[in-house]
Amino acid sequence: MAKPDDRSDNVEKLQEMLQNTEENIRESQAYVAANANEISAEERANIEAKNRRRAESIEGFRSEIKDEASQSQS
């Protein structure tokens, strides 16, 4: 028998993922700032591209959190 779909903690999990992703952005920005003279232009571009993808993920998390919160209130 399949386990029932327990979505009761989805909002908390999504919020945690969002916070972790924001922290990853801050850490990578601090890394670039601290090592600006030591990293290559390619590495810097890769980090910046990854942070853009992270920012897109954050928007997705926010949207999912909003959806989950509205479904749990229904």
Foldseek 3Di string as FASTA:
>chain_A
DDDDDDCPCVLVVLVVLLVVLVVLLVVLVVVCVVCVVPDDPVVVVVSVVVNVVSVVVNVVSVVVSVVSVVVVVD
